[in-house]
Amino acid sequence: MRPTSAMILAAASLTLVFSVGGCKKKQDAQTAGYNQGYGYGQPQPGYGQPGYGDPAGQPTAQPTGQPAPTAQPTAQPAGQPAAPAVCQEIDATAAAPAQAIITGLASSSVPAGAKPMGGLMACMFQQGQQLSKQIQMQPGKCYTIVGAGAGVSELDIQVVAVTPIPGMAPVLAQDQETGPQAVVGKDPNCYKWALPMAGTVNVVMTAKAGAGPAAAQVFEK
């Protein structure tokens, strides 16, 4: 018997029903199997759990309560005295009271025939201040330095070598006086430059005590 159109349509409908049912069962089976494992929507092992990323299971947060490291102050070298304050040199006329004392003191302290070398070095000192001036000493020459203060109660004068080595400046000569007057190389023991060539030195005046004008004059013979 030849199949009619109605029979062919019925057979196609049954085939479609069985096909859809079979796909639905297969999909349900896959979904059930996926949900039994670690499928979508299930938490992954370790991820998002406490201690994740730490093999020991401990939190990875930094410990609290520890003070932050602070910078340590740089200590000053022990035993190093502070550098004296520098006194600014003034015109000799402003130190007229000290200049008058120097003139009288030179008559008894400077060898006969010695001549003033350069001008008067003078300053309006505060206690502890220093005034330094470079001069050049010549071989075979003899030097006397006379200083005085008016208001400065303790004046010191030194002759200090100039060297290229930082921190090394040996004192070549200094006064032995106490009080407001100071003389280096007092007659008859003037300071003799012993080197066979000229040399540069610093003449350093220091107001150890008191305040006021003070001056010094270098004499050369």
Protein backbone atom coordinates (compact mmCIF):
# COMPACT_ATOMS: atom_id res chain seq x y z
CA MET A 1 0.00 0.00 0.00
CA ARG A 2 1.50 3.39 -0.93
CA PRO A 3 1.88 5.80 2.06
CA THR A 4 -0.45 8.69 1.98
CA SER A 5 0.37 12.27 2.88
CA ALA A 6 -1.31 11.85 6.25
CA MET A 7 0.89 8.86 7.09
CA ILE A 8 4.10 10.69 6.12
CA LEU A 9 3.17 13.73 8.29
CA ALA A 10 2.40 11.52 11.29
CA ALA A 11 5.71 9.67 10.99
CA ALA A 12 7.66 12.96 10.82
CA SER A 13 5.88 14.24 13.91
CA LEU A 14 6.81 11.13 15.92
CA THR A 15 10.47 11.40 14.81
CA LEU A 16 10.61 15.04 15.99
CA VAL A 17 9.12 14.17 19.39
CA PHE A 18 11.63 11.38 20.03
CA SER A 19 14.51 13.57 18.86
CA VAL A 20 13.59 16.45 21.18
CA GLY A 21 13.07 14.09 24.09
CA GLY A 22 16.42 12.45 23.55
CA CYS A 23 18.22 15.82 23.43
CA LYS A 24 16.46 16.94 26.60
CA LYS A 25 17.57 13.81 28.47
CA LYS A 26 21.15 14.22 27.25
CA GLN A 27 21.23 17.87 28.32
CA ASP A 28 19.81 17.02 31.78
CA ALA A 29 22.44 14.31 32.21
CA GLN A 30 25.27 16.72 31.29
CA THR A 31 23.92 19.39 33.64
CA ALA A 32 23.67 16.90 36.52
CA GLY A 33 27.21 15.69 35.93
CA TYR A 34 28.57 19.28 35.73
CA ASN A 35 26.85 20.28 38.97
CA GLN A 36 28.34 17.27 40.74
CA GLY A 37 31.82 18.57 39.97
CA TYR A 38 33.01 22.17 40.16
CA GLY A 39 30.88 23.67 37.47
CA TYR A 40 29.53 27.15 37.04
CA GLY A 41 28.17 28.65 40.25
CA GLN A 42 30.18 26.31 42.49
CA PRO A 43 33.05 27.69 44.63
CA GLN A 44 36.46 26.72 43.29
CA PRO A 45 38.81 24.98 45.73
CA GLY A 46 40.97 27.51 47.56
CA TYR A 47 39.78 30.56 45.61
CA GLY A 48 38.08 33.03 47.90
CA GLN A 49 38.75 30.84 50.94
CA PRO A 50 40.63 32.13 54.03
CA GLY A 51 44.38 31.78 53.68
CA TYR A 52 44.27 31.54 49.88
CA GLY A 53 47.76 32.24 48.51
CA ASP A 54 49.49 31.31 51.81
CA PRO A 55 50.75 27.69 51.87
CA ALA A 56 50.32 27.52 55.64
CA GLY A 57 46.76 28.84 55.49
CA GLN A 58 47.70 31.92 57.43
CA PRO A 59 46.46 35.42 56.55
CA THR A 60 48.89 37.34 54.36
CA ALA A 61 48.24 40.71 56.03
CA GLN A 62 51.28 42.51 57.43
CA PRO A 63 51.68 42.31 61.23
CA THR A 64 50.31 45.29 63.04
CA GLY A 65 51.65 47.12 66.07
CA GLN A 66 55.23 47.32 64.78
CA PRO A 67 56.64 50.87 64.86
CA ALA A 68 57.77 52.26 61.54
CA PRO A 69 61.55 52.71 61.26
CA THR A 70 62.61 56.25 61.94
CA ALA A 71 65.65 58.09 60.62
CA GLN A 72 68.43 58.35 63.15
CA PRO A 73 69.93 61.81 63.70
CA THR A 74 73.48 62.23 62.51
CA ALA A 75 75.69 62.69 65.52
CA GLN A 76 78.35 65.37 65.48
CA PRO A 77 81.90 64.05 65.88
CA ALA A 78 82.76 63.93 69.56
CA GLY A 79 85.44 66.25 70.84
CA GLN A 80 85.27 68.66 67.91
CA PRO A 81 84.98 72.26 69.16
CA ALA A 82 82.71 74.63 67.34
CA ALA A 83 84.48 77.01 64.97
CA PRO A 84 84.85 80.53 66.44
CA ALA A 85 82.66 83.24 65.00
CA VAL A 86 84.38 85.47 62.46
CA CYS A 87 84.74 89.17 63.20
CA GLN A 88 84.42 91.45 60.17
CA GLU A 89 87.42 93.71 59.68
CA ILE A 90 86.78 97.44 60.09
CA ASP A 91 88.64 100.58 59.08
CA ALA A 92 91.57 101.40 61.35
CA THR A 93 90.09 104.78 62.24
CA ALA A 94 87.21 102.99 64.00
CA ALA A 95 89.77 101.33 66.29
CA ALA A 96 91.53 104.57 67.24
CA PRO A 97 91.57 103.77 71.00
CA ALA A 98 93.40 100.48 70.32
CA GLN A 99 95.73 102.12 67.82
CA ALA A 100 96.94 104.60 70.42
CA ILE A 101 97.84 101.74 72.76
CA ILE A 102 99.69 99.92 69.96
CA THR A 103 101.81 102.96 69.22
CA GLY A 104 103.00 103.18 72.82
CA LEU A 105 103.49 99.43 73.14
CA ALA A 106 105.53 99.18 69.94
CA SER A 107 108.17 101.57 71.27
CA SER A 108 109.22 99.02 73.87
CA SER A 109 108.40 95.75 72.06
CA VAL A 110 109.59 96.18 68.47
CA PRO A 111 113.29 95.88 67.53
CA ALA A 112 114.98 99.07 66.44
CA GLY A 113 114.78 99.53 62.70
CA ALA A 114 111.64 97.41 62.21
CA LYS A 115 109.03 98.89 59.87
CA PRO A 116 105.22 98.47 59.83
CA MET A 117 104.20 95.83 57.32
CA GLY A 118 100.90 96.70 55.68
CA GLY A 119 98.09 98.45 57.50
CA LEU A 120 96.52 97.95 60.88
CA MET A 121 94.13 94.98 61.17
CA ALA A 122 91.18 95.91 63.35
CA CYS A 123 87.73 94.69 64.36
CA MET A 124 84.86 95.51 66.72
CA PHE A 125 84.98 92.24 68.65
CA GLN A 126 82.38 90.30 70.54
CA GLN A 127 83.67 87.75 73.02
CA GLY A 128 84.92 84.61 71.27
CA GLN A 129 85.25 86.17 67.81
CA GLN A 130 88.33 85.90 65.61
CA LEU A 131 89.91 88.05 62.92
CA SER A 132 92.40 86.44 60.54
CA LYS A 133 94.61 88.10 57.95
CA GLN A 134 97.19 86.58 55.62
CA ILE A 135 100.69 88.00 55.29
CA GLN A 136 103.77 86.78 53.46
CA MET A 137 106.96 86.26 55.40
CA GLN A 138 110.35 86.48 53.69
CA PRO A 139 113.47 84.39 54.33
CA GLY A 140 116.02 86.05 56.59
CA LYS A 141 113.46 88.54 57.95
CA CYS A 142 112.37 89.00 61.56
CA TYR A 143 108.77 89.78 62.63
CA THR A 144 106.99 91.29 65.63
CA ILE A 145 103.20 91.60 65.99
CA VAL A 146 101.72 94.03 68.49
CA GLY A 147 98.03 94.01 69.41
CA ALA A 148 95.77 95.78 71.90
CA GLY A 149 92.09 95.97 72.77
CA ALA A 150 89.85 98.61 74.30
CA GLY A 151 87.06 96.71 76.06
CA VAL A 152 88.54 93.33 75.11
CA SER A 153 89.95 92.08 78.41
CA GLU A 154 91.84 89.06 77.04
CA LEU A 155 93.36 89.31 73.56
CA ASP A 156 95.29 86.45 71.95
CA ILE A 157 97.43 86.61 68.79
CA GLN A 158 98.80 83.59 66.90
CA VAL A 159 100.85 83.06 63.74
CA VAL A 160 99.34 80.03 61.96
CA ALA A 161 100.82 78.23 58.96
CA VAL A 162 98.77 78.05 55.76
CA THR A 163 98.80 74.49 54.37
CA PRO A 164 96.88 72.71 51.58
CA ILE A 165 95.80 69.98 54.01
CA PRO A 166 92.30 70.63 55.50
CA GLY A 167 92.28 70.74 59.29
CA MET A 168 96.07 70.99 59.52
CA ALA A 169 97.20 74.50 60.45
CA PRO A 170 100.05 74.36 62.96
CA VAL A 171 100.63 77.33 65.23
CA LEU A 172 104.11 78.75 64.53
CA ALA A 173 104.16 81.42 67.24
CA GLN A 174 101.82 83.01 69.80
CA ASP A 175 101.84 85.72 72.42
CA GLN A 176 102.66 84.97 76.03
CA GLU A 177 100.86 87.99 77.45
CA THR A 178 97.68 88.10 79.52
CA GLY A 179 95.13 90.87 79.43
CA PRO A 180 94.10 93.29 76.67
CA GLN A 181 97.60 93.56 75.12
CA ALA A 182 99.38 90.90 73.07
CA VAL A 183 102.86 90.76 71.51
CA VAL A 184 104.32 87.99 69.31
CA GLY A 185 108.11 88.09 68.77
CA LYS A 186 108.83 90.70 71.43
CA ASP A 187 112.25 92.33 71.23
CA PRO A 188 114.88 90.89 71.42
CA ASN A 189 113.20 87.59 70.41
CA CYS A 190 111.47 88.53 67.18
CA TYR A 191 109.98 85.69 65.13
CA LYS A 192 112.41 84.65 62.36
CA TRP A 193 111.16 83.03 59.17
CA ALA A 194 113.42 79.98 58.90
CA LEU A 195 112.56 78.68 55.41
CA PRO A 196 114.77 79.58 52.44
CA MET A 197 111.72 80.75 50.49
CA ALA A 198 108.80 83.07 51.19
CA GLY A 199 105.74 81.59 52.91
CA THR A 200 102.17 82.62 53.67
CA VAL A 201 100.83 82.64 57.23
CA ASN A 202 97.68 83.77 58.98
CA VAL A 203 97.83 86.32 61.79
CA VAL A 204 94.87 85.40 64.01
CA MET A 205 93.45 87.69 66.71
CA THR A 206 90.95 86.24 69.18
CA ALA A 207 88.90 88.09 71.79
CA LYS A 208 88.98 85.48 74.54
CA ALA A 209 87.09 87.72 76.94
CA GLY A 210 85.34 91.08 76.78
CA ALA A 211 84.09 93.04 73.79
CA GLY A 212 85.10 96.19 71.95
CA PRO A 213 87.59 97.42 69.36
CA ALA A 214 90.93 95.65 69.04
CA ALA A 215 93.74 95.96 66.50
CA ALA A 216 97.16 94.56 65.63
CA GLN A 217 100.14 95.71 63.59
CA VAL A 218 102.84 93.54 62.00
CA PHE A 219 106.41 94.87 61.97
CA GLU A 220 109.21 93.50 59.77
CA LYS A 221 112.98 93.89 60.06
